[in-house]
Amino acid sequence: MGPSAGTGIDEHLARLATRQHGLVRRDQALEVGCTPRMLAHRLAHGRLVRVEPKVYRLAGVPETWRQRVLGACWAEDGLACGRTAAALYGLDGFASAVVEVVVPRGRRRANPSLRVHESRDLVAADRAERDRIPLTRIERTLIDLAAAVPATKVEQGLDDALRRGLTTAEAVHARLLGLARRGRPGVATVRPLVDARLASTGLRPGEFERRVERVLVAAGLAAPACEYEVRSAAGVLIGRVDLAYPWARVAIECDSERWHSGRQRRQHDLERQNALVLAGWTVLRFTWADLTQRPEHLVAQVRAALAAAA
């Protein structure tokens, strides 16, 4: 094979590497006509650099974290998972650092350059791709995270994924059911987080508020006004609150994931709350967990605010 043929092969390899974070696999090189002897020649002369078994980087291409992750996935025939997958999705609180790969049970081999996990319940539906890197789907990623990081970080990642529309509470719950065998690490952490968001996102607009109203009335308090418009002395609308006791200037906000999530929505809520406080109103905020897990605390806070106003 002449120099022109070798040049053509190098062009093919360069085009592949451009799309693959500077990497090519051995089988890809062979497919474009690079023989084992030609591969050995390029490795010996530094035109290719071995980064993992049967995975090479083109000379001159800078090393990156994503390149390491892709090379690891190829070498292990696995998927980026856990904290690595969370960083690839860009989840809040997860940075690109550790390299973790999951493979089916029985296929793990010793590899000191990364962390390889085995899983007996890894299925085809768990596979996704992001930036040309194979990784676990967002639902599986969130569940796997719970076995490696504190619950507060799992909740941070889950809420970010929900806000950005990467998944839904229903989808995470469905995958959780498939993985929730007894003793599986992380399930006990994720389940209450998902259940709380399922209850919240499943509500129709106004249903949360009606339930809070019923709890307050059942506790002997007067029924609050619903969807109350707070106006200034000049009649300018300051904001509409979920529930209110106008005579006491006490506003109650029911913060569900669906109707109060998202950066712009949170900013609007904060600005409105500040305006209400400056107008002399007391603003109480409750979540679905407050209503379902400790309704007596909710009632006590509303009762205290009304007593203070009286």
Protein backbone atom coordinates (compact mmCIF):
# COMPACT_ATOMS: atom_id res chain seq x y z
CA MET A 1 0.00 0.00 0.00
CA GLY A 2 1.50 3.35 -1.08
CA PRO A 3 1.81 6.65 0.74
CA SER A 4 -1.40 7.99 -0.80
CA ALA A 5 -3.38 5.08 0.62
CA GLY A 6 -1.84 5.68 4.05
CA THR A 7 -2.71 9.36 3.80
CA GLY A 8 -6.30 8.45 2.95
CA ILE A 9 -6.52 6.24 6.01
CA ASP A 10 -5.20 9.02 8.21
CA GLU A 11 -7.87 11.34 6.82
CA HIS A 12 -10.54 8.78 7.66
CA LEU A 13 -9.17 8.43 11.20
CA ALA A 14 -9.07 12.21 11.62
CA ARG A 15 -12.70 12.54 10.54
CA LEU A 16 -13.74 9.86 13.01
CA ALA A 17 -11.76 11.43 15.82
CA THR A 18 -13.29 14.86 15.17
CA ARG A 19 -16.72 13.43 15.99
CA GLN A 20 -15.50 11.33 18.93
CA HIS A 21 -13.59 13.64 21.26
CA GLY A 22 -10.32 12.90 19.45
CA LEU A 23 -10.61 9.11 19.83
CA VAL A 24 -10.85 6.13 17.49
CA ARG A 25 -11.37 2.45 18.28
CA ARG A 26 -9.29 -0.38 16.88
CA ASP A 27 -12.27 -1.87 15.04
CA GLN A 28 -13.03 1.51 13.44
CA ALA A 29 -9.44 1.84 12.24
CA LEU A 30 -9.54 -1.64 10.73
CA GLU A 31 -12.82 -0.84 8.96
CA VAL A 32 -11.25 2.09 7.09
CA GLY A 33 -8.34 -0.05 5.90
CA CYS A 34 -5.74 0.37 8.64
CA THR A 35 -4.09 -3.02 9.11
CA PRO A 36 -2.73 -4.22 12.50
CA ARG A 37 0.79 -3.56 11.19
CA MET A 38 -0.14 0.01 10.19
CA LEU A 39 -1.70 0.57 13.61
CA ALA A 40 1.45 -0.65 15.32
CA HIS A 41 3.52 1.66 13.11
CA ARG A 42 1.39 4.69 14.01
CA LEU A 43 1.57 3.85 17.71
CA ALA A 44 5.33 3.35 17.59
CA HIS A 45 5.84 6.72 15.88
CA GLY A 46 3.45 8.65 18.13
CA ARG A 47 0.77 9.36 15.52
CA LEU A 48 -1.68 7.47 17.71
CA VAL A 49 -1.62 7.24 21.52
CA ARG A 50 -3.16 4.28 23.35
CA VAL A 51 -5.51 5.55 26.08
CA GLU A 52 -7.31 2.29 26.83
CA PRO A 53 -7.06 -1.23 25.38
CA LYS A 54 -8.05 -0.93 21.69
CA VAL A 55 -8.81 2.79 22.11
CA TYR A 56 -6.49 5.45 20.67
CA ARG A 57 -6.18 9.22 20.68
CA LEU A 58 -4.86 11.12 17.68
CA ALA A 59 -1.53 12.80 18.34
CA GLY A 60 -1.86 16.49 19.12
CA VAL A 61 -5.45 16.24 20.35
CA PRO A 62 -5.68 17.64 23.90
CA GLU A 63 -6.85 15.34 26.67
CA THR A 64 -10.27 16.13 28.15
CA TRP A 65 -12.55 14.66 30.79
CA ARG A 66 -15.20 13.74 28.21
CA GLN A 67 -12.51 12.01 26.17
CA ARG A 68 -11.58 9.95 29.23
CA VAL A 69 -15.21 9.02 29.81
CA LEU A 70 -15.80 7.96 26.20
CA GLY A 71 -12.59 5.93 26.16
CA ALA A 72 -13.62 4.20 29.39
CA CYS A 73 -17.07 3.35 28.02
CA TRP A 74 -15.55 1.88 24.87
CA ALA A 75 -12.89 -0.07 26.72
CA GLU A 76 -15.38 -1.62 29.15
CA ASP A 77 -18.29 -1.83 26.69
CA GLY A 78 -20.34 -0.06 29.34
CA LEU A 79 -22.23 3.13 30.13
CA ALA A 80 -21.16 6.22 32.03
CA CYS A 81 -23.15 6.15 35.25
CA GLY A 82 -23.66 7.74 38.65
CA ARG A 83 -21.75 10.97 39.24
CA THR A 84 -20.19 10.81 35.78
CA ALA A 85 -23.59 10.60 34.07
CA ALA A 86 -24.92 13.36 36.35
CA ALA A 87 -22.08 15.64 35.24
CA LEU A 88 -22.73 14.80 31.57
CA TYR A 89 -26.38 15.78 32.04
CA GLY A 90 -25.16 18.98 33.70
CA LEU A 91 -27.16 18.35 36.86
CA ASP A 92 -26.89 21.03 39.49
CA GLY A 93 -24.17 20.19 42.02
CA PHE A 94 -22.26 17.65 39.91
CA ALA A 95 -18.95 18.54 38.27
CA SER A 96 -16.81 16.60 35.81
CA ALA A 97 -14.24 14.75 37.90
CA VAL A 98 -14.71 11.07 38.67
CA VAL A 99 -15.07 8.51 35.85
CA GLU A 100 -17.63 5.77 36.60
CA VAL A 101 -18.85 3.09 34.20
CA VAL A 102 -21.46 0.39 34.70
CA VAL A 103 -21.40 -3.00 32.96
CA PRO A 104 -23.65 -6.07 33.18
CA ARG A 105 -22.90 -8.54 35.96
CA GLY A 106 -19.96 -10.81 35.20
CA ARG A 107 -18.25 -8.51 32.69
CA ARG A 108 -16.18 -6.36 35.01
CA ARG A 109 -12.42 -6.55 34.69
CA ALA A 110 -9.62 -4.91 36.60
CA ASN A 111 -9.02 -1.35 35.38
CA PRO A 112 -7.07 0.91 37.77
CA SER A 113 -7.77 4.04 35.69
CA LEU A 114 -11.51 4.22 36.51
CA ARG A 115 -14.35 2.88 38.64
CA VAL A 116 -16.27 0.02 37.07
CA HIS A 117 -19.57 -1.10 38.61
CA GLU A 118 -21.48 -4.29 37.89
CA SER A 119 -25.26 -4.44 37.66
CA ARG A 120 -27.56 -7.42 37.29
CA ASP A 121 -30.53 -5.22 36.38
CA LEU A 122 -29.01 -3.13 33.57
CA VAL A 123 -31.38 -3.26 30.58
CA ALA A 124 -31.34 -1.86 27.06
CA ALA A 125 -33.87 0.82 28.06
CA ASP A 126 -31.33 2.21 30.52
CA ARG A 127 -29.04 3.27 27.68
CA ALA A 128 -28.90 6.83 26.37
CA GLU A 129 -26.34 8.99 24.59
CA ARG A 130 -25.19 12.53 25.31
CA ASP A 131 -22.48 14.37 23.41
CA ARG A 132 -21.76 11.04 21.63
CA ILE A 133 -21.01 9.37 24.96
CA PRO A 134 -23.09 6.32 26.02
CA LEU A 135 -24.56 6.77 29.50
CA THR A 136 -27.41 5.66 31.69
CA ARG A 137 -30.77 7.33 31.13
CA ILE A 138 -31.54 10.18 33.48
CA GLU A 139 -34.01 8.08 35.53
CA ARG A 140 -31.45 5.34 36.14
CA THR A 141 -28.77 7.94 36.82
CA LEU A 142 -30.81 9.59 39.58
CA ILE A 143 -31.49 6.25 41.26
CA ASP A 144 -27.85 5.17 41.03
CA LEU A 145 -26.72 8.49 42.53
CA ALA A 146 -28.57 7.71 45.75
CA ALA A 147 -26.14 4.88 46.47
CA ALA A 148 -23.10 7.18 46.21
CA VAL A 149 -23.98 10.69 47.43
CA PRO A 150 -25.99 12.21 50.31
CA ALA A 151 -29.76 12.50 49.97
CA THR A 152 -29.50 16.30 49.79
CA LYS A 153 -27.41 16.05 46.60
CA VAL A 154 -29.79 13.48 45.10
CA GLU A 155 -32.69 15.85 45.77
CA GLN A 156 -30.73 18.73 44.23
CA GLY A 157 -30.09 16.70 41.08
CA LEU A 158 -33.67 15.41 40.91
CA ASP A 159 -35.20 18.87 41.19
CA ASP A 160 -32.83 20.21 38.53
CA ALA A 161 -33.75 17.37 36.15
CA LEU A 162 -37.47 18.03 36.72
CA ARG A 163 -37.13 21.79 36.25
CA ARG A 164 -35.23 21.35 32.98
CA GLY A 165 -37.67 18.79 31.61
CA LEU A 166 -35.05 16.01 31.42
CA THR A 167 -37.53 13.62 33.05
CA THR A 168 -40.73 13.51 35.08
CA ALA A 169 -41.51 12.23 38.55
CA GLU A 170 -43.69 9.58 36.89
CA ALA A 171 -40.79 8.31 34.75
CA VAL A 172 -38.40 8.12 37.71
CA HIS A 173 -41.05 6.29 39.73
CA ALA A 174 -41.61 3.78 36.94
CA ARG A 175 -37.90 2.92 36.75
CA LEU A 176 -37.73 2.83 40.54
CA LEU A 177 -40.38 0.10 40.57
CA GLY A 178 -38.22 -2.00 38.26
CA LEU A 179 -35.14 -1.58 40.46
CA ALA A 180 -36.72 -1.65 43.90
CA ARG A 181 -35.66 -5.12 44.92
CA ARG A 182 -35.06 -5.58 48.62
CA GLY A 183 -31.74 -4.22 49.76
CA ARG A 184 -30.79 -2.39 46.56
CA PRO A 185 -28.61 0.59 47.53
CA GLY A 186 -30.24 3.97 47.03
CA VAL A 187 -33.87 2.89 46.71
CA ALA A 188 -34.77 3.91 50.25
CA THR A 189 -33.27 7.35 49.60
CA VAL A 190 -34.96 8.02 46.27
CA ARG A 191 -38.43 6.65 47.02
CA PRO A 192 -39.64 9.38 49.44
CA LEU A 193 -38.20 12.12 47.22
CA VAL A 194 -40.04 10.80 44.17
CA ASP A 195 -43.25 10.06 46.10
CA ALA A 196 -43.38 13.65 47.38
CA ARG A 197 -42.96 15.03 43.88
CA LEU A 198 -45.45 12.57 42.42
CA ALA A 199 -48.08 13.72 44.85
CA SER A 200 -47.29 17.34 44.11
CA THR A 201 -47.05 17.19 40.32
CA GLY A 202 -50.14 15.03 40.12
CA LEU A 203 -52.36 17.73 41.56
CA ARG A 204 -54.70 19.81 39.46
CA PRO A 205 -54.34 23.59 39.79
CA GLY A 206 -56.10 24.64 42.99
CA GLU A 207 -56.36 21.16 44.51
CA PHE A 208 -53.42 21.68 46.87
CA GLU A 209 -54.98 24.92 48.11
CA ARG A 210 -58.39 23.28 48.65
CA ARG A 211 -56.81 20.54 50.74
CA VAL A 212 -55.00 23.08 52.91
CA GLU A 213 -58.27 24.97 53.34
CA ARG A 214 -60.04 21.79 54.49
CA VAL A 215 -57.30 21.04 57.03
CA LEU A 216 -57.53 24.56 58.49
CA VAL A 217 -61.32 24.46 58.74
CA ALA A 218 -61.23 20.98 60.30
CA ALA A 219 -58.86 22.38 62.94
CA GLY A 220 -61.42 25.02 63.90
CA LEU A 221 -60.02 28.00 61.98
CA ALA A 222 -62.07 30.21 59.71
CA ALA A 223 -62.04 29.37 56.02
CA PRO A 224 -59.42 31.45 54.19
CA ALA A 225 -60.15 33.29 50.96
CA CYS A 226 -58.84 31.49 47.86
CA GLU A 227 -56.87 33.14 45.05
CA TYR A 228 -56.99 36.46 46.88
CA GLU A 229 -55.78 39.61 45.13
CA VAL A 230 -53.72 41.87 47.40
CA ARG A 231 -53.83 45.52 46.36
CA SER A 232 -52.19 48.68 47.60
CA ALA A 233 -54.12 51.59 49.10
CA ALA A 234 -54.21 53.09 45.60
CA GLY A 235 -55.75 49.90 44.21
CA VAL A 236 -52.61 48.67 42.44
CA LEU A 237 -52.32 44.88 42.33
CA ILE A 238 -49.39 43.70 44.46
CA GLY A 239 -49.95 40.01 43.89
CA ARG A 240 -52.40 37.12 43.96
CA VAL A 241 -51.91 34.64 46.81
CA ASP A 242 -53.18 31.07 47.09
CA LEU A 243 -55.01 31.54 50.40
CA ALA A 244 -55.47 34.58 52.60
CA TYR A 245 -56.95 35.98 55.79
CA PRO A 246 -57.33 39.60 54.62
CA TRP A 247 -58.43 40.93 58.00
CA ALA A 248 -55.15 39.69 59.54
CA ARG A 249 -53.01 40.32 56.47
CA VAL A 250 -51.84 36.70 56.49
CA ALA A 251 -51.11 35.07 53.15
CA ILE A 252 -50.60 31.34 52.62
CA GLU A 253 -48.67 30.04 49.62
CA CYS A 254 -48.88 26.38 48.60
CA ASP A 255 -45.60 25.54 46.90
CA SER A 256 -46.00 22.57 44.58
CA GLU A 257 -43.21 21.42 42.26
CA ARG A 258 -45.24 21.98 39.11
CA TRP A 259 -46.63 25.42 39.78
CA HIS A 260 -43.72 26.96 41.70
CA SER A 261 -40.60 25.48 40.06
CA GLY A 262 -38.30 26.98 37.47
CA ARG A 263 -35.82 29.83 37.83
CA GLN A 264 -38.06 32.56 36.43
CA ARG A 265 -41.05 31.41 38.47
CA ARG A 266 -39.01 31.35 41.69
CA GLN A 267 -37.70 34.84 40.96
CA HIS A 268 -41.27 36.08 40.46
CA ASP A 269 -42.38 34.43 43.72
CA LEU A 270 -39.56 36.08 45.66
CA GLU A 271 -40.29 39.52 44.25
CA ARG A 272 -44.00 39.17 45.02
CA GLN A 273 -43.30 37.94 48.54
CA ASN A 274 -41.03 40.92 49.23
CA ALA A 275 -43.72 43.27 47.98
CA LEU A 276 -46.31 41.64 50.24
CA VAL A 277 -44.06 41.88 53.29
CA LEU A 278 -43.37 45.54 52.58
CA ALA A 279 -47.13 46.09 52.37
CA GLY A 280 -47.51 44.69 55.89
CA TRP A 281 -48.49 41.10 55.10
CA THR A 282 -47.22 37.94 56.80
CA VAL A 283 -46.46 35.27 54.18
CA LEU A 284 -46.45 31.59 55.15
CA ARG A 285 -45.22 29.01 52.64
CA PHE A 286 -46.06 25.30 52.83
CA THR A 287 -45.09 22.29 50.73
CA TRP A 288 -46.93 19.09 49.97
CA ALA A 289 -44.82 17.37 52.64
CA ASP A 290 -46.03 19.91 55.22
CA LEU A 291 -49.63 19.10 54.37
CA THR A 292 -49.34 15.31 54.21
CA GLN A 293 -46.65 14.58 56.80
CA ARG A 294 -47.15 17.22 59.49
CA PRO A 295 -50.51 18.99 59.06
CA GLU A 296 -50.57 19.85 62.78
CA HIS A 297 -47.44 21.97 62.28
CA LEU A 298 -49.08 23.74 59.35
CA VAL A 299 -52.18 24.51 61.41
CA ALA A 300 -50.10 25.68 64.37
CA GLN A 301 -48.16 28.17 62.23
CA VAL A 302 -51.32 29.62 60.67
CA ARG A 303 -52.95 29.86 64.12
CA ALA A 304 -49.88 31.65 65.50
CA ALA A 305 -49.83 34.14 62.62
CA LEU A 306 -53.52 34.94 63.11
CA ALA A 307 -53.04 35.32 66.86
CA ALA A 308 -50.12 37.68 66.31
CA ALA A 309 -52.22 39.80 63.95
CA ALA A 310 -55.12 39.91 66.42
